[in-house]
PDB file of N, CA and C in Angstrom:
ATOM      1  N   MET A   1     -11.017 -18.738  14.137  1.00  0.00           N
ATOM      2  CA  MET A   1     -10.786 -19.928  13.368  1.00  0.00           C
ATOM      3  C   MET A   1      -9.288 -20.050  13.110  1.00  0.00           C
ATOM      4  N   ALA A   2      -8.784 -21.249  13.178  1.00  0.00           N
ATOM      5  CA  ALA A   2      -7.355 -21.499  12.992  1.00  0.00           C
ATOM      6  C   ALA A   2      -7.016 -21.694  11.517  1.00  0.00           C
ATOM      7  N   SER A   3      -5.782 -21.431  11.191  1.00  0.00           N
ATOM      8  CA  SER A   3      -5.308 -21.644   9.833  1.00  0.00           C
ATOM      9  C   SER A   3      -5.472 -23.113   9.457  1.00  0.00           C
ATOM     10  N   GLY A   4      -5.986 -23.351   8.256  1.00  0.00           N
ATOM     11  CA  GLY A   4      -6.190 -24.714   7.783  1.00  0.00           C
ATOM     12  C   GLY A   4      -7.545 -25.309   8.101  1.00  0.00           C
ATOM     13  N   GLU A   5      -8.412 -24.556   8.759  1.00  0.00           N
ATOM     14  CA  GLU A   5      -9.765 -25.043   9.063  1.00  0.00           C
ATOM     15  C   GLU A   5     -10.707 -24.692   7.923  1.00  0.00           C
ATOM     16  N   TRP A   6     -11.689 -25.560   7.699  1.00  0.00           N
ATOM     17  CA  TRP A   6     -12.714 -25.299   6.697  1.00  0.00           C
ATOM     18  C   TRP A   6     -13.731 -24.290   7.222  1.00  0.00           C
ATOM     19  N   PHE A   7     -14.222 -23.433   6.333  1.00  0.00           N
ATOM     20  CA  PHE A   7     -15.335 -22.543   6.638  1.00  0.00           C
ATOM     21  C   PHE A   7     -16.102 -22.306   5.344  1.00  0.00           C
ATOM     22  N   VAL A   8     -17.269 -21.679   5.427  1.00  0.00           N
ATOM     23  CA  VAL A   8     -18.060 -21.354   4.243  1.00  0.00           C
ATOM     24  C   VAL A   8     -17.990 -19.850   4.024  1.00  0.00           C
ATOM     25  N   VAL A   9     -17.657 -19.452   2.805  1.00  0.00           N
ATOM     26  CA  VAL A   9     -17.578 -18.032   2.442  1.00  0.00           C
ATOM     27  C   VAL A   9     -18.996 -17.458   2.512  1.00  0.00           C
ATOM     28  N   VAL A  10     -19.177 -16.333   3.225  1.00  0.00           N
ATOM     29  CA  VAL A  10     -20.524 -15.805   3.462  1.00  0.00           C
ATOM     30  C   VAL A  10     -20.938 -14.673   2.531  1.00  0.00           C
ATOM     31  N   SER A  11     -20.016 -14.114   1.735  1.00  0.00           N
ATOM     32  CA  SER A  11     -20.409 -13.063   0.800  1.00  0.00           C
ATOM     33  C   SER A  11     -19.399 -12.960  -0.335  1.00  0.00           C
ATOM     34  N   GLY A  12     -19.764 -12.218  -1.351  1.00  0.00           N
ATOM     35  CA  GLY A  12     -18.865 -12.000  -2.478  1.00  0.00           C
ATOM     36  C   GLY A  12     -19.034 -13.040  -3.573  1.00  0.00           C
ATOM     37  N   GLU A  13     -18.110 -13.028  -4.532  1.00  0.00           N
ATOM     38  CA  GLU A  13     -18.238 -13.893  -5.697  1.00  0.00           C
ATOM     39  C   GLU A  13     -18.114 -15.381  -5.370  1.00  0.00           C
ATOM     40  N   ASN A  14     -17.549 -15.733  -4.234  1.00  0.00           N
ATOM     41  CA  ASN A  14     -17.407 -17.136  -3.830  1.00  0.00           C
ATOM     42  C   ASN A  14     -18.357 -17.529  -2.706  1.00  0.00           C
ATOM     43  N   GLU A  15     -19.385 -16.745  -2.508  1.00  0.00           N
ATOM     44  CA  GLU A  15     -20.357 -17.019  -1.451  1.00  0.00           C
ATOM     45  C   GLU A  15     -20.903 -18.445  -1.569  1.00  0.00           C
ATOM     46  N   GLY A  16     -20.948 -19.134  -0.429  1.00  0.00           N
ATOM     47  CA  GLY A  16     -21.503 -20.476  -0.371  1.00  0.00           C
ATOM     48  C   GLY A  16     -20.507 -21.592  -0.622  1.00  0.00           C
ATOM     49  N   ARG A  17     -19.254 -21.255  -0.921  1.00  0.00           N
ATOM     50  CA  ARG A  17     -18.233 -22.272  -1.175  1.00  0.00           C
ATOM     51  C   ARG A  17     -17.452 -22.574   0.102  1.00  0.00           C
ATOM     52  N   ALA A  18     -17.058 -23.836   0.255  1.00  0.00           N
ATOM     53  CA  ALA A  18     -16.168 -24.208   1.355  1.00  0.00           C
ATOM     54  C   ALA A  18     -14.765 -23.718   1.008  1.00  0.00           C
ATOM     55  N   HIS A  19     -14.038 -23.254   2.007  1.00  0.00           N
ATOM     56  CA  HIS A  19     -12.711 -22.679   1.786  1.00  0.00           C
ATOM     57  C   HIS A  19     -11.850 -22.960   3.016  1.00  0.00           C
ATOM     58  N   LEU A  20     -10.547 -23.087   2.797  1.00  0.00           N
ATOM     59  CA  LEU A  20      -9.617 -23.262   3.908  1.00  0.00           C
ATOM     60  C   LEU A  20      -9.134 -21.900   4.394  1.00  0.00           C
ATOM     61  N   ALA A  21      -9.134 -21.697   5.675  1.00  0.00           N
ATOM     62  CA  ALA A  21      -8.654 -20.439   6.264  1.00  0.00           C
ATOM     63  C   ALA A  21      -7.130 -20.425   6.257  1.00  0.00           C
ATOM     64  N   GLY A  22      -6.557 -19.262   5.995  1.00  0.00           N
ATOM     65  CA  GLY A  22      -5.129 -19.075   6.204  1.00  0.00           C
ATOM     66  C   GLY A  22      -4.227 -19.127   4.990  1.00  0.00           C
ATOM     67  N   TRP A  23      -4.769 -19.057   3.793  1.00  0.00           N
ATOM     68  CA  TRP A  23      -3.904 -19.010   2.611  1.00  0.00           C
ATOM     69  C   TRP A  23      -2.985 -17.797   2.708  1.00  0.00           C
ATOM     70  N   MET A  24      -1.703 -17.977   2.431  1.00  0.00           N
ATOM     71  CA  MET A  24      -0.727 -16.882   2.439  1.00  0.00           C
ATOM     72  C   MET A  24      -0.415 -16.524   0.987  1.00  0.00           C
ATOM     73  N   LEU A  25      -0.875 -15.349   0.558  1.00  0.00           N
ATOM     74  CA  LEU A  25      -0.700 -14.917  -0.825  1.00  0.00           C
ATOM     75  C   LEU A  25       0.552 -14.082  -0.986  1.00  0.00           C
ATOM     76  N   SER A  26       1.181 -14.212  -2.144  1.00  0.00           N
ATOM     77  CA  SER A  26       2.361 -13.428  -2.459  1.00  0.00           C
ATOM     78  C   SER A  26       2.481 -13.326  -3.974  1.00  0.00           C
ATOM     79  N   ALA A  27       3.514 -12.643  -4.435  1.00  0.00           N
ATOM     80  CA  ALA A  27       3.754 -12.513  -5.877  1.00  0.00           C
ATOM     81  C   ALA A  27       5.237 -12.338  -6.116  1.00  0.00           C
ATOM     82  N   MET A  28       5.635 -12.686  -7.341  1.00  0.00           N
ATOM     83  CA  MET A  28       7.024 -12.464  -7.732  1.00  0.00           C
ATOM     84  C   MET A  28       7.038 -11.960  -9.172  1.00  0.00           C
ATOM     85  N   LEU A  29       8.055 -11.183  -9.492  1.00  0.00           N
ATOM     86  CA  LEU A  29       8.236 -10.670 -10.835  1.00  0.00           C
ATOM     87  C   LEU A  29       9.003 -11.721 -11.630  1.00  0.00           C
ATOM     88  N   VAL A  30       8.397 -12.211 -12.719  1.00  0.00           N
ATOM     89  CA  VAL A  30       9.020 -13.259 -13.524  1.00  0.00           C
ATOM     90  C   VAL A  30       9.149 -12.808 -14.968  1.00  0.00           C
ATOM     91  N   ASN A  31      10.064 -13.427 -15.690  1.00  0.00           N
ATOM     92  CA  ASN A  31      10.236 -13.151 -17.096  1.00  0.00           C
ATOM     93  C   ASN A  31       9.262 -14.031 -17.865  1.00  0.00           C
ATOM     94  N   ASP A  32       8.441 -13.422 -18.734  1.00  0.00           N
ATOM     95  CA  ASP A  32       7.491 -14.230 -19.497  1.00  0.00           C
ATOM     96  C   ASP A  32       8.147 -14.779 -20.766  1.00  0.00           C
ATOM     97  N   ASP A  33       7.409 -15.550 -21.541  1.00  0.00           N
ATOM     98  CA  ASP A  33       7.941 -16.209 -22.734  1.00  0.00           C
ATOM     99  C   ASP A  33       8.306 -15.240 -23.851  1.00  0.00           C
ATOM    100  N   HIS A  34       7.901 -13.998 -23.723  1.00  0.00           N
ATOM    101  CA  HIS A  34       8.135 -13.015 -24.779  1.00  0.00           C
ATOM    102  C   HIS A  34       9.230 -12.017 -24.418  1.00  0.00           C
ATOM    103  N   GLY A  35      10.010 -12.316 -23.403  1.00  0.00           N
ATOM    104  CA  GLY A  35      11.119 -11.452 -23.035  1.00  0.00           C
ATOM    105  C   GLY A  35      10.762 -10.304 -22.120  1.00  0.00           C
ATOM    106  N   GLY A  36       9.521 -10.219 -21.696  1.00  0.00           N
ATOM    107  CA  GLY A  36       9.091  -9.161 -20.786  1.00  0.00           C
ATOM    108  C   GLY A  36       8.957  -9.675 -19.365  1.00  0.00           C
ATOM    109  N   ASP A  37       8.625  -8.794 -18.484  1.00  0.00           N
ATOM    110  CA  ASP A  37       8.405  -9.164 -17.085  1.00  0.00           C
ATOM    111  C   ASP A  37       6.927  -9.067 -16.759  1.00  0.00           C
ATOM    112  N   LYS A  38       6.487  -9.919 -15.862  1.00  0.00           N
ATOM    113  CA  LYS A  38       5.114  -9.838 -15.364  1.00  0.00           C
ATOM    114  C   LYS A  38       5.087 -10.342 -13.929  1.00  0.00           C
ATOM    115  N   TRP A  39       4.065  -9.957 -13.206  1.00  0.00           N
ATOM    116  CA  TRP A  39       3.881 -10.419 -11.839  1.00  0.00           C
ATOM    117  C   TRP A  39       3.125 -11.729 -11.865  1.00  0.00           C
ATOM    118  N   TRP A  40       3.582 -12.696 -11.062  1.00  0.00           N
ATOM    119  CA  TRP A  40       2.942 -13.989 -10.946  1.00  0.00           C
ATOM    120  C   TRP A  40       2.521 -14.161  -9.487  1.00  0.00           C
ATOM    121  N   ALA A  41       1.225 -14.386  -9.273  1.00  0.00           N
ATOM    122  CA  ALA A  41       0.700 -14.562  -7.918  1.00  0.00           C
ATOM    123  C   ALA A  41       0.704 -16.037  -7.528  1.00  0.00           C
ATOM    124  N   TYR A  42       1.061 -16.284  -6.285  1.00  0.00           N
ATOM    125  CA  TYR A  42       1.048 -17.650  -5.774  1.00  0.00           C
ATOM    126  C   TYR A  42       0.593 -17.629  -4.320  1.00  0.00           C
ATOM    127  N   ALA A  43       0.242 -18.810  -3.824  1.00  0.00           N
ATOM    128  CA  ALA A  43      -0.236 -18.922  -2.445  1.00  0.00           C
ATOM    129  C   ALA A  43       0.334 -20.180  -1.812  1.00  0.00           C
ATOM    130  N   HIS A  44       0.514 -20.134  -0.505  1.00  0.00           N
ATOM    131  CA  HIS A  44       0.945 -21.298   0.267  1.00  0.00           C
ATOM    132  C   HIS A  44      -0.287 -21.899   0.921  1.00  0.00           C
ATOM    133  N   CYS A  45      -0.493 -23.188   0.675  1.00  0.00           N
ATOM    134  CA  CYS A  45      -1.639 -23.886   1.252  1.00  0.00           C
ATOM    135  C   CYS A  45      -1.502 -23.938   2.771  1.00  0.00           C
ATOM    136  N   PRO A  46      -2.561 -23.580   3.496  1.00  0.00           N
ATOM    137  CA  PRO A  46      -2.490 -23.612   4.960  1.00  0.00           C
ATOM    138  C   PRO A  46      -2.491 -25.030   5.524  1.00  0.00           C
ATOM    139  N   ARG A  47      -2.833 -25.995   4.717  1.00  0.00           N
ATOM    140  CA  ARG A  47      -2.903 -27.379   5.172  1.00  0.00           C
ATOM    141  C   ARG A  47      -1.579 -28.124   4.963  1.00  0.00           C
ATOM    142  N   CYS A  48      -1.031 -28.037   3.738  1.00  0.00           N
ATOM    143  CA  CYS A  48       0.166 -28.824   3.415  1.00  0.00           C
ATOM    144  C   CYS A  48       1.361 -27.954   3.022  1.00  0.00           C
ATOM    145  N   HIS A  49       1.164 -26.658   2.959  1.00  0.00           N
ATOM    146  CA  HIS A  49       2.211 -25.677   2.646  1.00  0.00           C
ATOM    147  C   HIS A  49       2.731 -25.753   1.209  1.00  0.00           C
ATOM    148  N   ALA A  50       1.992 -26.405   0.330  1.00  0.00           N
ATOM    149  CA  ALA A  50       2.364 -26.431  -1.085  1.00  0.00           C
ATOM    150  C   ALA A  50       2.262 -25.023  -1.662  1.00  0.00           C
ATOM    151  N   VAL A  51       3.076 -24.731  -2.655  1.00  0.00           N
ATOM    152  CA  VAL A  51       2.986 -23.464  -3.386  1.00  0.00           C
ATOM    153  C   VAL A  51       2.042 -23.703  -4.557  1.00  0.00           C
ATOM    154  N   VAL A  52       0.978 -22.907  -4.625  1.00  0.00           N
ATOM    155  CA  VAL A  52      -0.080 -23.095  -5.606  1.00  0.00           C
ATOM    156  C   VAL A  52      -0.258 -21.804  -6.399  1.00  0.00           C
ATOM    157  N   GLN A  53      -0.421 -21.938  -7.707  1.00  0.00           N
ATOM    158  CA  GLN A  53      -0.659 -20.757  -8.539  1.00  0.00           C
ATOM    159  C   GLN A  53      -1.966 -20.097  -8.142  1.00  0.00           C
ATOM    160  N   ALA A  54      -1.920 -18.789  -7.920  1.00  0.00           N
ATOM    161  CA  ALA A  54      -3.110 -18.047  -7.517  1.00  0.00           C
ATOM    162  C   ALA A  54      -3.405 -16.907  -8.480  1.00  0.00           C
ATOM    163  N   ASP A  55      -2.771 -16.923  -9.629  1.00  0.00           N
ATOM    164  CA  ASP A  55      -2.898 -15.843 -10.608  1.00  0.00           C
ATOM    165  C   ASP A  55      -4.020 -16.157 -11.586  1.00  0.00           C
ATOM    166  N   ASP A  56      -5.163 -15.505 -11.435  1.00  0.00           N
ATOM    167  CA  ASP A  56      -6.291 -15.798 -12.320  1.00  0.00           C
ATOM    168  C   ASP A  56      -6.170 -15.133 -13.688  1.00  0.00           C
ATOM    169  N   THR A  57      -5.093 -14.403 -13.946  1.00  0.00           N
ATOM    170  CA  THR A  57      -4.891 -13.816 -15.275  1.00  0.00           C
ATOM    171  C   THR A  57      -4.237 -14.809 -16.232  1.00  0.00           C
ATOM    172  N   ASP A  58      -3.726 -15.924 -15.733  1.00  0.00           N
ATOM    173  CA  ASP A  58      -3.122 -16.944 -16.578  1.00  0.00           C
ATOM    174  C   ASP A  58      -4.238 -17.713 -17.288  1.00  0.00           C
ATOM    175  N   LYS A  59      -4.312 -17.575 -18.596  1.00  0.00           N
ATOM    176  CA  LYS A  59      -5.404 -18.188 -19.363  1.00  0.00           C
ATOM    177  C   LYS A  59      -5.323 -19.719 -19.382  1.00  0.00           C
ATOM    178  N   ALA A  60      -4.122 -20.282 -19.283  1.00  0.00           N
ATOM    179  CA  ALA A  60      -3.967 -21.733 -19.371  1.00  0.00           C
ATOM    180  C   ALA A  60      -4.451 -22.446 -18.112  1.00  0.00           C
ATOM    181  N   TYR A  61      -4.112 -21.936 -16.947  1.00  0.00           N
ATOM    182  CA  TYR A  61      -4.428 -22.640 -15.704  1.00  0.00           C
ATOM    183  C   TYR A  61      -5.269 -21.827 -14.738  1.00  0.00           C
ATOM    184  N   GLY A  62      -5.031 -20.550 -14.643  1.00  0.00           N
ATOM    185  CA  GLY A  62      -5.793 -19.716 -13.732  1.00  0.00           C
ATOM    186  C   GLY A  62      -5.480 -19.993 -12.273  1.00  0.00           C
ATOM    187  N   ASP A  63      -6.346 -19.530 -11.411  1.00  0.00           N
ATOM    188  CA  ASP A  63      -6.197 -19.683  -9.968  1.00  0.00           C
ATOM    189  C   ASP A  63      -6.425 -21.147  -9.606  1.00  0.00           C
ATOM    190  N   ARG A  64      -5.411 -21.814  -9.078  1.00  0.00           N
ATOM    191  CA  ARG A  64      -5.491 -23.242  -8.750  1.00  0.00           C
ATOM    192  C   ARG A  64      -5.773 -23.503  -7.274  1.00  0.00           C
ATOM    193  N   THR A  65      -5.980 -22.440  -6.477  1.00  0.00           N
ATOM    194  CA  THR A  65      -6.204 -22.662  -5.044  1.00  0.00           C
ATOM    195  C   THR A  65      -7.496 -23.435  -4.790  1.00  0.00           C
ATOM    196  N   TRP A  66      -8.561 -23.143  -5.534  1.00  0.00           N
ATOM    197  CA  TRP A  66      -9.828 -23.847  -5.330  1.00  0.00           C
ATOM    198  C   TRP A  66      -9.692 -25.319  -5.704  1.00  0.00           C
ATOM    199  N   ALA A  67      -9.000 -25.614  -6.776  1.00  0.00           N
ATOM    200  CA  ALA A  67      -8.779 -27.011  -7.180  1.00  0.00           C
ATOM    201  C   ALA A  67      -7.934 -27.736  -6.136  1.00  0.00           C
ATOM    202  N   HIS A  68      -6.948 -27.055  -5.583  1.00  0.00           N
ATOM    203  CA  HIS A  68      -6.106 -27.661  -4.551  1.00  0.00           C
ATOM    204  C   HIS A  68      -6.950 -27.990  -3.319  1.00  0.00           C
ATOM    205  N   GLU A  69      -7.847 -27.101  -2.954  1.00  0.00           N
ATOM    206  CA  GLU A  69      -8.730 -27.373  -1.811  1.00  0.00           C
ATOM    207  C   GLU A  69      -9.649 -28.559  -2.090  1.00  0.00           C
ATOM    208  N   ARG A  70     -10.179 -28.646  -3.307  1.00  0.00           N
ATOM    209  CA  ARG A  70     -11.036 -29.793  -3.649  1.00  0.00           C
ATOM    210  C   ARG A  70     -10.244 -31.097  -3.541  1.00  0.00           C
ATOM    211  N   TRP A  71      -8.956 -31.046  -3.912  1.00  0.00           N
ATOM    212  CA  TRP A  71      -8.114 -32.229  -3.781  1.00  0.00           C
ATOM    213  C   TRP A  71      -8.012 -32.644  -2.309  1.00  0.00           C
ATOM    214  N   HIS A  72      -7.752 -31.670  -1.417  1.00  0.00           N
ATOM    215  CA  HIS A  72      -7.692 -31.989   0.019  1.00  0.00           C
ATOM    216  C   HIS A  72      -9.021 -32.574   0.489  1.00  0.00           C
ATOM    217  N   ALA A  73     -10.129 -31.968   0.081  1.00  0.00           N
ATOM    218  CA  ALA A  73     -11.453 -32.435   0.509  1.00  0.00           C
ATOM    219  C   ALA A  73     -11.712 -33.874   0.064  1.00  0.00           C
ATOM    220  N   ALA A  74     -11.189 -34.243  -1.098  1.00  0.00           N
ATOM    221  CA  ALA A  74     -11.421 -35.580  -1.640  1.00  0.00           C
ATOM    222  C   ALA A  74     -10.419 -36.624  -1.151  1.00  0.00           C
ATOM    223  N   THR A  75      -9.308 -36.188  -0.572  1.00  0.00           N
ATOM    224  CA  THR A  75      -8.277 -37.147  -0.188  1.00  0.00           C
ATOM    225  C   THR A  75      -8.004 -37.162   1.310  1.00  0.00           C
ATOM    226  N   ASP A  76      -7.203 -36.239   1.790  1.00  0.00           N
ATOM    227  CA  ASP A  76      -6.690 -36.333   3.157  1.00  0.00           C
ATOM    228  C   ASP A  76      -7.379 -35.449   4.195  1.00  0.00           C
ATOM    229  N   TYR A  77      -8.250 -34.526   3.764  1.00  0.00           N
ATOM    230  CA  TYR A  77      -8.828 -33.585   4.723  1.00  0.00           C
ATOM    231  C   TYR A  77     -10.269 -33.252   4.320  1.00  0.00           C
ATOM    232  N   PRO A  78     -11.201 -34.186   4.531  1.00  0.00           N
ATOM    233  CA  PRO A  78     -12.590 -33.957   4.126  1.00  0.00           C
ATOM    234  C   PRO A  78     -13.224 -32.781   4.860  1.00  0.00           C
ATOM    235  N   ILE A  79     -14.172 -32.169   4.199  1.00  0.00           N
ATOM    236  CA  ILE A  79     -14.935 -31.070   4.818  1.00  0.00           C
ATOM    237  C   ILE A  79     -15.837 -31.679   5.886  1.00  0.00           C
ATOM    238  N   PRO A  80     -15.781 -31.176   7.130  1.00  0.00           N
ATOM    239  CA  PRO A  80     -16.632 -31.720   8.196  1.00  0.00           C
ATOM    240  C   PRO A  80     -18.121 -31.599   7.836  1.00  0.00           C
ATOM    241  N   ALA A  81     -18.918 -32.534   8.310  1.00  0.00           N
ATOM    242  CA  ALA A  81     -20.342 -32.583   7.973  1.00  0.00           C
ATOM    243  C   ALA A  81     -21.077 -31.299   8.317  1.00  0.00           C
ATOM    244  N   ASP A  82     -20.762 -30.682   9.462  1.00  0.00           N
ATOM    245  CA  ASP A  82     -21.475 -29.453   9.838  1.00  0.00           C
ATOM    246  C   ASP A  82     -21.151 -28.298   8.884  1.00  0.00           C
ATOM    247  N   ILE A  83     -19.934 -28.252   8.344  1.00  0.00           N
ATOM    248  CA  ILE A  83     -19.563 -27.229   7.372  1.00  0.00           C
ATOM    249  C   ILE A  83     -20.153 -27.576   6.007  1.00  0.00           C
ATOM    250  N   ALA A  84     -20.064 -28.837   5.609  1.00  0.00           N
ATOM    251  CA  ALA A  84     -20.596 -29.275   4.313  1.00  0.00           C
ATOM    252  C   ALA A  84     -22.100 -29.012   4.199  1.00  0.00           C
ATOM    253  N   ALA A  85     -22.813 -29.076   5.305  1.00  0.00           N
ATOM    254  CA  ALA A  85     -24.257 -28.822   5.297  1.00  0.00           C
ATOM    255  C   ALA A  85     -24.583 -27.366   4.931  1.00  0.00           C
ATOM    256  N   LYS A  86     -23.625 -26.465   5.113  1.00  0.00           N
ATOM    257  CA  LYS A  86     -23.835 -25.042   4.822  1.00  0.00           C
ATOM    258  C   LYS A  86     -23.382 -24.645   3.413  1.00  0.00           C
ATOM    259  N   VAL A  87     -22.708 -25.566   2.712  1.00  0.00           N
ATOM    260  CA  VAL A  87     -22.192 -25.277   1.367  1.00  0.00           C
ATOM    261  C   VAL A  87     -23.349 -25.243   0.378  1.00  0.00           C
ATOM    262  N   THR A  88     -23.400 -24.174  -0.431  1.00  0.00           N
ATOM    263  CA  THR A  88     -24.465 -24.054  -1.427  1.00  0.00           C
ATOM    264  C   THR A  88     -23.942 -24.105  -2.854  1.00  0.00           C
ATOM    265  N   ARG A  89     -22.606 -24.072  -3.028  1.00  0.00           N
ATOM    266  CA  ARG A  89     -22.008 -24.229  -4.364  1.00  0.00           C
ATOM    267  C   ARG A  89     -20.638 -24.863  -4.269  1.00  0.00           C
ATOM    268  N   ALA A  90     -20.293 -25.570  -5.318  1.00  0.00           N
ATOM    269  CA  ALA A  90     -19.008 -26.295  -5.345  1.00  0.00           C
ATOM    270  C   ALA A  90     -17.854 -25.383  -5.611  1.00  0.00           C
TER     271      ALA A  90
END
Protein backbone atom coordinates (compact mmCIF):
# COMPACT_ATOMS: atom_id res chain seq x y z
CA MET A 1 0.00 0.00 0.00
CA ALA A 2 1.28 3.46 -0.86
CA SER A 3 1.64 6.36 1.52
CA GLY A 4 -1.59 8.35 1.73
CA GLU A 5 -3.91 5.46 0.84
CA TRP A 6 -6.88 4.55 3.01
CA PHE A 7 -6.97 1.18 4.77
CA VAL A 8 -8.88 -0.36 7.70
CA VAL A 9 -6.98 -1.10 10.92
CA VAL A 10 -7.30 -4.87 11.53
CA SER A 11 -6.30 -5.17 15.21
CA GLY A 12 -5.56 -3.25 18.38
CA GLU A 13 -7.34 -0.35 20.04
CA ASN A 14 -8.25 1.24 16.67
CA GLU A 15 -9.50 -1.94 15.02
CA GLY A 16 -12.17 -1.28 12.41
CA ARG A 17 -11.28 2.38 11.81
CA ALA A 18 -10.28 3.83 8.44
CA HIS A 19 -6.74 5.22 8.53
CA LEU A 20 -4.28 6.80 6.12
CA ALA A 21 -1.06 4.88 5.51
CA GLY A 22 2.27 6.62 5.92
CA TRP A 23 2.05 9.01 8.86
CA MET A 24 5.58 10.13 9.80
CA LEU A 25 5.84 10.47 13.58
CA SER A 26 8.43 12.50 15.43
CA ALA A 27 8.92 14.46 18.66
CA MET A 28 10.67 17.54 19.92
CA LEU A 29 11.69 18.74 23.35
CA VAL A 30 9.74 21.91 24.18
CA ASN A 31 9.55 24.26 27.13
CA ASP A 32 6.18 23.97 28.87
CA ASP A 33 4.21 26.81 30.52
CA HIS A 34 5.75 26.04 33.91
CA GLY A 35 9.39 26.51 32.95
CA GLY A 36 10.14 22.82 32.46
CA ASP A 37 10.82 20.73 29.41
CA LYS A 38 8.61 18.04 27.94
CA TRP A 39 8.48 15.97 24.78
CA TRP A 40 5.82 16.92 22.25
CA ALA A 41 4.83 14.34 19.62
CA TYR A 42 3.77 15.39 16.15
CA ALA A 43 3.09 13.75 12.80
CA HIS A 44 3.25 14.73 9.14
CA CYS A 45 0.09 13.93 7.21
CA PRO A 46 0.83 11.57 4.31
CA ARG A 47 -1.80 13.30 2.19
CA CYS A 48 -1.12 17.03 2.60
CA HIS A 49 2.08 17.04 4.70
CA ALA A 50 0.54 19.20 7.44
CA VAL A 51 2.15 18.97 10.88
CA VAL A 52 -0.46 17.57 13.26
CA GLN A 53 -0.28 17.12 17.02
CA ALA A 54 0.05 13.43 17.84
CA ASP A 55 0.64 13.69 21.59
CA ASP A 56 -2.25 12.02 23.40
CA THR A 57 -0.92 13.18 26.80
CA ASP A 58 -2.09 16.74 26.07
CA LYS A 59 -5.36 17.04 28.00
CA ALA A 60 -6.62 20.05 26.00
CA TYR A 61 -6.38 18.64 22.47
CA GLY A 62 -4.85 15.18 22.48
CA ASP A 63 -3.93 13.24 19.36
CA ARG A 64 -5.33 15.20 16.39
CA THR A 65 -4.30 12.76 13.64
CA TRP A 66 -7.69 11.00 13.63
CA ALA A 67 -9.56 14.31 13.42
CA HIS A 68 -7.28 15.42 10.59
CA GLU A 69 -8.08 12.22 8.69
CA ARG A 70 -11.82 12.75 9.21
CA TRP A 71 -11.37 16.23 7.74
CA HIS A 72 -9.73 14.74 4.61
CA ALA A 73 -12.50 12.13 4.35
CA ALA A 74 -15.16 14.85 4.51
CA THR A 75 -13.50 17.31 2.14
CA ASP A 76 -10.82 16.52 -0.42
CA TYR A 77 -10.07 12.79 -0.08
CA PRO A 78 -13.14 10.61 0.61
CA ILE A 79 -12.72 7.04 1.79
CA PRO A 80 -13.27 4.74 -1.23
CA ALA A 81 -16.49 2.70 -1.12
CA ASP A 82 -14.70 -0.66 -0.93
CA ILE A 83 -12.71 0.51 2.12
CA ALA A 84 -15.70 2.26 3.74
CA ALA A 85 -17.67 -1.00 3.52
CA LYS A 86 -15.11 -2.62 5.87
CA VAL A 87 -15.19 0.17 8.49
CA THR A 88 -16.87 -0.90 11.73
CA ARG A 89 -16.18 2.21 13.86
CA ALA A 90 -15.70 5.90 13.30
